[in-house]
PDB file of N, CA and C in Angstrom:
ATOM      1  N   UNK A   1      79.480  25.556 -25.999  1.00  0.00           N
ATOM      2  CA  UNK A   1      78.788  25.552 -27.267  1.00  0.00           C
ATOM      3  C   UNK A   1      78.615  24.135 -27.786  1.00  0.00           C
ATOM      4  N   UNK A   2      79.629  23.322 -27.629  1.00  0.00           N
ATOM      5  CA  UNK A   2      79.544  21.948 -28.125  1.00  0.00           C
ATOM      6  C   UNK A   2      78.455  21.183 -27.384  1.00  0.00           C
ATOM      7  N   UNK A   3      78.294  21.483 -26.090  1.00  0.00           N
ATOM      8  CA  UNK A   3      77.257  20.820 -25.307  1.00  0.00           C
ATOM      9  C   UNK A   3      75.873  21.139 -25.856  1.00  0.00           C
ATOM     10  N   UNK A   4      75.631  22.415 -26.207  1.00  0.00           N
ATOM     11  CA  UNK A   4      74.336  22.815 -26.740  1.00  0.00           C
ATOM     12  C   UNK A   4      74.070  22.200 -28.105  1.00  0.00           C
ATOM     13  N   UNK A   5      75.126  21.933 -28.843  1.00  0.00           N
ATOM     14  CA  UNK A   5      74.970  21.304 -30.152  1.00  0.00           C
ATOM     15  C   UNK A   5      74.785  19.797 -30.042  1.00  0.00           C
ATOM     16  N   UNK A   6      75.013  19.257 -28.855  1.00  0.00           N
ATOM     17  CA  UNK A   6      74.855  17.828 -28.648  1.00  0.00           C
ATOM     18  C   UNK A   6      76.044  17.012 -29.120  1.00  0.00           C
ATOM     19  N   UNK A   7      77.215  17.656 -29.211  1.00  0.00           N
ATOM     20  CA  UNK A   7      78.410  16.938 -29.642  1.00  0.00           C
ATOM     21  C   UNK A   7      78.957  16.081 -28.506  1.00  0.00           C
ATOM     22  N   UNK A   8      79.432  14.922 -28.844  1.00  0.00           N
ATOM     23  CA  UNK A   8      79.979  13.983 -27.876  1.00  0.00           C
ATOM     24  C   UNK A   8      81.482  14.220 -27.749  1.00  0.00           C
ATOM     25  N   UNK A   9      81.980  14.539 -26.542  1.00  0.00           N
ATOM     26  CA  UNK A   9      83.414  14.803 -26.382  1.00  0.00           C
ATOM     27  C   UNK A   9      84.288  13.605 -26.731  1.00  0.00           C
ATOM     28  N   UNK A  10      83.744  12.404 -26.656  1.00  0.00           N
ATOM     29  CA  UNK A  10      84.525  11.219 -27.011  1.00  0.00           C
ATOM     30  C   UNK A  10      84.787  11.147 -28.509  1.00  0.00           C
ATOM     31  N   UNK A  11      83.991  11.842 -29.301  1.00  0.00           N
ATOM     32  CA  UNK A  11      84.143  11.814 -30.754  1.00  0.00           C
ATOM     33  C   UNK A  11      84.998  12.973 -31.279  1.00  0.00           C
ATOM     34  N   UNK A  12      85.482  13.843 -30.388  1.00  0.00           N
ATOM     35  CA  UNK A  12      86.269  14.994 -30.824  1.00  0.00           C
ATOM     36  C   UNK A  12      87.557  14.590 -31.522  1.00  0.00           C
ATOM     37  N   UNK A  13      88.092  13.434 -31.208  1.00  0.00           N
ATOM     38  CA  UNK A  13      89.325  12.982 -31.842  1.00  0.00           C
ATOM     39  C   UNK A  13      89.183  12.881 -33.343  1.00  0.00           C
ATOM     40  N   UNK A  14      88.040  12.438 -33.820  1.00  0.00           N
ATOM     41  CA  UNK A  14      87.834  12.335 -35.265  1.00  0.00           C
ATOM     42  C   UNK A  14      87.598  13.702 -35.891  1.00  0.00           C
ATOM     43  N   UNK A  15      87.083  14.646 -35.106  1.00  0.00           N
ATOM     44  CA  UNK A  15      86.842  15.987 -35.631  1.00  0.00           C
ATOM     45  C   UNK A  15      88.107  16.841 -35.602  1.00  0.00           C
ATOM     46  N   UNK A  16      89.004  16.570 -34.665  1.00  0.00           N
ATOM     47  CA  UNK A  16      90.211  17.373 -34.479  1.00  0.00           C
ATOM     48  C   UNK A  16      91.408  16.714 -35.149  1.00  0.00           C
ATOM     49  N   UNK A  17      91.256  16.330 -36.371  1.00  0.00           N
ATOM     50  CA  UNK A  17      92.308  15.610 -37.084  1.00  0.00           C
ATOM     51  C   UNK A  17      92.939  16.515 -38.141  1.00  0.00           C
ATOM     52  N   UNK A  18      93.342  17.726 -37.753  1.00  0.00           N
ATOM     53  CA  UNK A  18      93.835  18.695 -38.728  1.00  0.00           C
ATOM     54  C   UNK A  18      95.253  18.411 -39.195  1.00  0.00           C
ATOM     55  N   UNK A  19      96.015  17.606 -38.459  1.00  0.00           N
ATOM     56  CA  UNK A  19      97.383  17.308 -38.897  1.00  0.00           C
ATOM     57  C   UNK A  19      97.379  16.360 -40.085  1.00  0.00           C
ATOM     58  N   UNK A  20      96.504  15.355 -40.047  1.00  0.00           N
ATOM     59  CA  UNK A  20      96.440  14.416 -41.157  1.00  0.00           C
ATOM     60  C   UNK A  20      95.562  14.931 -42.285  1.00  0.00           C
ATOM     61  N   UNK A  21      94.581  15.746 -41.936  1.00  0.00           N
ATOM     62  CA  UNK A  21      93.663  16.296 -42.927  1.00  0.00           C
ATOM     63  C   UNK A  21      93.687  17.820 -42.811  1.00  0.00           C
ATOM     64  N   UNK A  22      94.649  18.483 -43.432  1.00  0.00           N
ATOM     65  CA  UNK A  22      94.815  19.926 -43.243  1.00  0.00           C
ATOM     66  C   UNK A  22      93.663  20.767 -43.793  1.00  0.00           C
ATOM     67  N   UNK A  23      92.815  20.183 -44.613  1.00  0.00           N
ATOM     68  CA  UNK A  23      91.688  20.932 -45.141  1.00  0.00           C
ATOM     69  C   UNK A  23      90.602  21.137 -44.091  1.00  0.00           C
ATOM     70  N   UNK A  24      90.650  20.386 -42.981  1.00  0.00           N
ATOM     71  CA  UNK A  24      89.658  20.544 -41.922  1.00  0.00           C
ATOM     72  C   UNK A  24      89.964  21.789 -41.096  1.00  0.00           C
ATOM     73  N   UNK A  25      88.899  22.409 -40.587  1.00  0.00           N
ATOM     74  CA  UNK A  25      89.067  23.533 -39.665  1.00  0.00           C
ATOM     75  C   UNK A  25      89.560  23.019 -38.318  1.00  0.00           C
ATOM     76  N   UNK A  26      90.320  23.832 -37.590  1.00  0.00           N
ATOM     77  CA  UNK A  26      90.653  23.456 -36.213  1.00  0.00           C
ATOM     78  C   UNK A  26      89.359  23.299 -35.404  1.00  0.00           C
ATOM     79  N   UNK A  27      89.370  22.440 -34.414  1.00  0.00           N
ATOM     80  CA  UNK A  27      88.160  22.080 -33.678  1.00  0.00           C
ATOM     81  C   UNK A  27      87.407  23.281 -33.084  1.00  0.00           C
ATOM     82  N   UNK A  28      88.071  24.237 -32.417  1.00  0.00           N
ATOM     83  CA  UNK A  28      87.314  25.377 -31.882  1.00  0.00           C
ATOM     84  C   UNK A  28      86.605  26.177 -32.974  1.00  0.00           C
ATOM     85  N   UNK A  29      87.262  26.371 -34.108  1.00  0.00           N
ATOM     86  CA  UNK A  29      86.642  27.096 -35.217  1.00  0.00           C
ATOM     87  C   UNK A  29      85.471  26.310 -35.795  1.00  0.00           C
ATOM     88  N   UNK A  30      85.631  25.001 -35.881  1.00  0.00           N
ATOM     89  CA  UNK A  30      84.570  24.143 -36.398  1.00  0.00           C
ATOM     90  C   UNK A  30      83.327  24.218 -35.510  1.00  0.00           C
ATOM     91  N   UNK A  31      83.528  24.186 -34.191  1.00  0.00           N
ATOM     92  CA  UNK A  31      82.399  24.260 -33.259  1.00  0.00           C
ATOM     93  C   UNK A  31      81.721  25.620 -33.359  1.00  0.00           C
ATOM     94  N   UNK A  32      82.504  26.693 -33.463  1.00  0.00           N
ATOM     95  CA  UNK A  32      81.929  28.030 -33.609  1.00  0.00           C
ATOM     96  C   UNK A  32      81.102  28.130 -34.880  1.00  0.00           C
ATOM     97  N   UNK A  33      81.604  27.574 -35.967  1.00  0.00           N
ATOM     98  CA  UNK A  33      80.884  27.616 -37.241  1.00  0.00           C
ATOM     99  C   UNK A  33      79.567  26.836 -37.154  1.00  0.00           C
ATOM    100  N   UNK A  34      79.609  25.650 -36.558  1.00  0.00           N
ATOM    101  CA  UNK A  34      78.392  24.857 -36.383  1.00  0.00           C
ATOM    102  C   UNK A  34      77.375  25.596 -35.517  1.00  0.00           C
ATOM    103  N   UNK A  35      77.857  26.218 -34.439  1.00  0.00           N
ATOM    104  CA  UNK A  35      76.964  26.935 -33.531  1.00  0.00           C
ATOM    105  C   UNK A  35      76.280  28.081 -34.261  1.00  0.00           C
ATOM    106  N   UNK A  36      77.040  28.831 -35.061  1.00  0.00           N
ATOM    107  CA  UNK A  36      76.454  29.952 -35.786  1.00  0.00           C
ATOM    108  C   UNK A  36      75.438  29.466 -36.811  1.00  0.00           C
ATOM    109  N   UNK A  37      75.742  28.376 -37.503  1.00  0.00           N
ATOM    110  CA  UNK A  37      74.806  27.838 -38.494  1.00  0.00           C
ATOM    111  C   UNK A  37      73.504  27.390 -37.839  1.00  0.00           C
ATOM    112  N   UNK A  38      73.605  26.818 -36.660  1.00  0.00           N
ATOM    113  CA  UNK A  38      72.426  26.261 -36.004  1.00  0.00           C
ATOM    114  C   UNK A  38      71.600  27.319 -35.282  1.00  0.00           C
ATOM    115  N   UNK A  39      72.252  28.222 -34.527  1.00  0.00           N
ATOM    116  CA  UNK A  39      71.542  29.171 -33.679  1.00  0.00           C
ATOM    117  C   UNK A  39      71.548  30.603 -34.206  1.00  0.00           C
ATOM    118  N   UNK A  40      72.294  30.876 -35.263  1.00  0.00           N
ATOM    119  CA  UNK A  40      72.388  32.218 -35.863  1.00  0.00           C
ATOM    120  C   UNK A  40      72.894  33.271 -34.881  1.00  0.00           C
ATOM    121  N   UNK A  41      73.787  32.860 -33.971  1.00  0.00           N
ATOM    122  CA  UNK A  41      74.460  33.801 -33.079  1.00  0.00           C
ATOM    123  C   UNK A  41      75.845  33.267 -32.777  1.00  0.00           C
ATOM    124  N   UNK A  42      76.732  34.164 -32.341  1.00  0.00           N
ATOM    125  CA  UNK A  42      78.140  33.808 -32.180  1.00  0.00           C
ATOM    126  C   UNK A  42      78.451  33.031 -30.912  1.00  0.00           C
ATOM    127  N   UNK A  43      77.699  33.262 -29.850  1.00  0.00           N
ATOM    128  CA  UNK A  43      77.969  32.569 -28.600  1.00  0.00           C
ATOM    129  C   UNK A  43      76.671  32.425 -27.816  1.00  0.00           C
ATOM    130  N   UNK A  44      76.630  31.506 -26.872  1.00  0.00           N
ATOM    131  CA  UNK A  44      75.417  31.308 -26.069  1.00  0.00           C
ATOM    132  C   UNK A  44      75.114  32.527 -25.203  1.00  0.00           C
ATOM    133  N   UNK A  45      73.838  32.702 -24.875  1.00  0.00           N
ATOM    134  CA  UNK A  45      73.446  33.807 -24.004  1.00  0.00           C
ATOM    135  C   UNK A  45      73.941  33.587 -22.580  1.00  0.00           C
ATOM    136  N   UNK A  46      73.846  32.364 -22.113  1.00  0.00           N
ATOM    137  CA  UNK A  46      74.218  32.040 -20.740  1.00  0.00           C
ATOM    138  C   UNK A  46      75.312  30.977 -20.780  1.00  0.00           C
ATOM    139  N   UNK A  47      76.547  31.384 -20.500  1.00  0.00           N
ATOM    140  CA  UNK A  47      77.676  30.456 -20.523  1.00  0.00           C
ATOM    141  C   UNK A  47      77.927  29.968 -19.104  1.00  0.00           C
ATOM    142  N   UNK A  48      77.840  28.630 -18.912  1.00  0.00           N
ATOM    143  CA  UNK A  48      78.041  28.049 -17.592  1.00  0.00           C
ATOM    144  C   UNK A  48      78.969  26.851 -17.698  1.00  0.00           C
ATOM    145  N   UNK A  49      79.729  26.651 -16.645  1.00  0.00           N
ATOM    146  CA  UNK A  49      80.552  25.443 -16.579  1.00  0.00           C
ATOM    147  C   UNK A  49      79.665  24.279 -16.151  1.00  0.00           C
ATOM    148  N   UNK A  50      80.174  23.086 -16.296  1.00  0.00           N
ATOM    149  CA  UNK A  50      79.412  21.908 -15.891  1.00  0.00           C
ATOM    150  C   UNK A  50      79.154  21.942 -14.384  1.00  0.00           C
ATOM    151  N   UNK A  51      80.135  22.409 -13.617  1.00  0.00           N
ATOM    152  CA  UNK A  51      79.979  22.489 -12.169  1.00  0.00           C
ATOM    153  C   UNK A  51      78.830  23.426 -11.795  1.00  0.00           C
ATOM    154  N   UNK A  52      78.728  24.560 -12.483  1.00  0.00           N
ATOM    155  CA  UNK A  52      77.644  25.499 -12.213  1.00  0.00           C
ATOM    156  C   UNK A  52      76.293  24.882 -12.562  1.00  0.00           C
ATOM    157  N   UNK A  53      76.238  24.164 -13.671  1.00  0.00           N
ATOM    158  CA  UNK A  53      74.989  23.526 -14.073  1.00  0.00           C
ATOM    159  C   UNK A  53      74.557  22.476 -13.052  1.00  0.00           C
ATOM    160  N   UNK A  54      75.510  21.697 -12.548  1.00  0.00           N
ATOM    161  CA  UNK A  54      75.197  20.659 -11.564  1.00  0.00           C
ATOM    162  C   UNK A  54      74.722  21.288 -10.259  1.00  0.00           C
ATOM    163  N   UNK A  55      75.371  22.359  -9.818  1.00  0.00           N
ATOM    164  CA  UNK A  55      74.959  22.991  -8.560  1.00  0.00           C
ATOM    165  C   UNK A  55      73.555  23.586  -8.685  1.00  0.00           C
ATOM    166  N   UNK A  56      73.226  24.194  -9.825  1.00  0.00           N
ATOM    167  CA  UNK A  56      71.875  24.714 -10.037  1.00  0.00           C
ATOM    168  C   UNK A  56      70.850  23.589 -10.047  1.00  0.00           C
ATOM    169  N   UNK A  57      71.192  22.502 -10.704  1.00  0.00           N
ATOM    170  CA  UNK A  57      70.294  21.348 -10.758  1.00  0.00           C
ATOM    171  C   UNK A  57      70.038  20.803  -9.359  1.00  0.00           C
ATOM    172  N   UNK A  58      71.097  20.693  -8.563  1.00  0.00           N
ATOM    173  CA  UNK A  58      70.948  20.180  -7.197  1.00  0.00           C
ATOM    174  C   UNK A  58      70.108  21.113  -6.333  1.00  0.00           C
ATOM    175  N   UNK A  59      70.281  22.432  -6.500  1.00  0.00           N
ATOM    176  CA  UNK A  59      69.469  23.394  -5.749  1.00  0.00           C
ATOM    177  C   UNK A  59      67.997  23.258  -6.113  1.00  0.00           C
ATOM    178  N   UNK A  60      67.702  23.143  -7.411  1.00  0.00           N
ATOM    179  CA  UNK A  60      66.314  22.995  -7.849  1.00  0.00           C
ATOM    180  C   UNK A  60      65.722  21.694  -7.333  1.00  0.00           C
ATOM    181  N   UNK A  61      66.505  20.642  -7.373  1.00  0.00           N
ATOM    182  CA  UNK A  61      66.043  19.336  -6.909  1.00  0.00           C
ATOM    183  C   UNK A  61      65.754  19.371  -5.409  1.00  0.00           C
ATOM    184  N   UNK A  62      66.648  20.012  -4.661  1.00  0.00           N
ATOM    185  CA  UNK A  62      66.474  20.095  -3.212  1.00  0.00           C
ATOM    186  C   UNK A  62      65.246  20.933  -2.862  1.00  0.00           C
ATOM    187  N   UNK A  63      65.048  22.048  -3.548  1.00  0.00           N
ATOM    188  CA  UNK A  63      63.886  22.889  -3.260  1.00  0.00           C
ATOM    189  C   UNK A  63      62.587  22.196  -3.670  1.00  0.00           C
ATOM    190  N   UNK A  64      62.614  21.376  -4.705  1.00  0.00           N
ATOM    191  CA  UNK A  64      61.423  20.629  -5.108  1.00  0.00           C
ATOM    192  C   UNK A  64      61.087  19.547  -4.089  1.00  0.00           C
ATOM    193  N   UNK A  65      62.111  18.944  -3.498  1.00  0.00           N
ATOM    194  CA  UNK A  65      61.890  17.900  -2.495  1.00  0.00           C
ATOM    195  C   UNK A  65      61.319  18.476  -1.204  1.00  0.00           C
ATOM    196  N   UNK A  66      61.772  19.669  -0.833  1.00  0.00           N
ATOM    197  CA  UNK A  66      61.304  20.280   0.410  1.00  0.00           C
ATOM    198  C   UNK A  66      59.987  21.018   0.207  1.00  0.00           C
ATOM    199  N   UNK A  67      59.627  21.290  -1.038  1.00  0.00           N
ATOM    200  CA  UNK A  67      58.365  21.957  -1.323  1.00  0.00           C
ATOM    201  C   UNK A  67      58.438  23.466  -1.244  1.00  0.00           C
ATOM    202  N   UNK A  68      59.602  24.033  -1.402  1.00  0.00           N
ATOM    203  CA  UNK A  68      59.766  25.494  -1.333  1.00  0.00           C
ATOM    204  C   UNK A  68      59.292  26.171  -2.578  1.00  0.00           C
TER     205      UNK A  68
END
């Protein structure tokens, strides 16, 4: 979900600061809330890991190169 929202994983440290700032939501809840506000649904239709996305991309790239 964070990937679809365009969140940078390097910046999660500033978002996941609930110990010093207890008024903040925990990071998973915060991401879920942002996702619902943006897309008006609770979870993505197609959930894939990064590895799955890379393998699909490589398959498409290979088939485009061979002309299939």
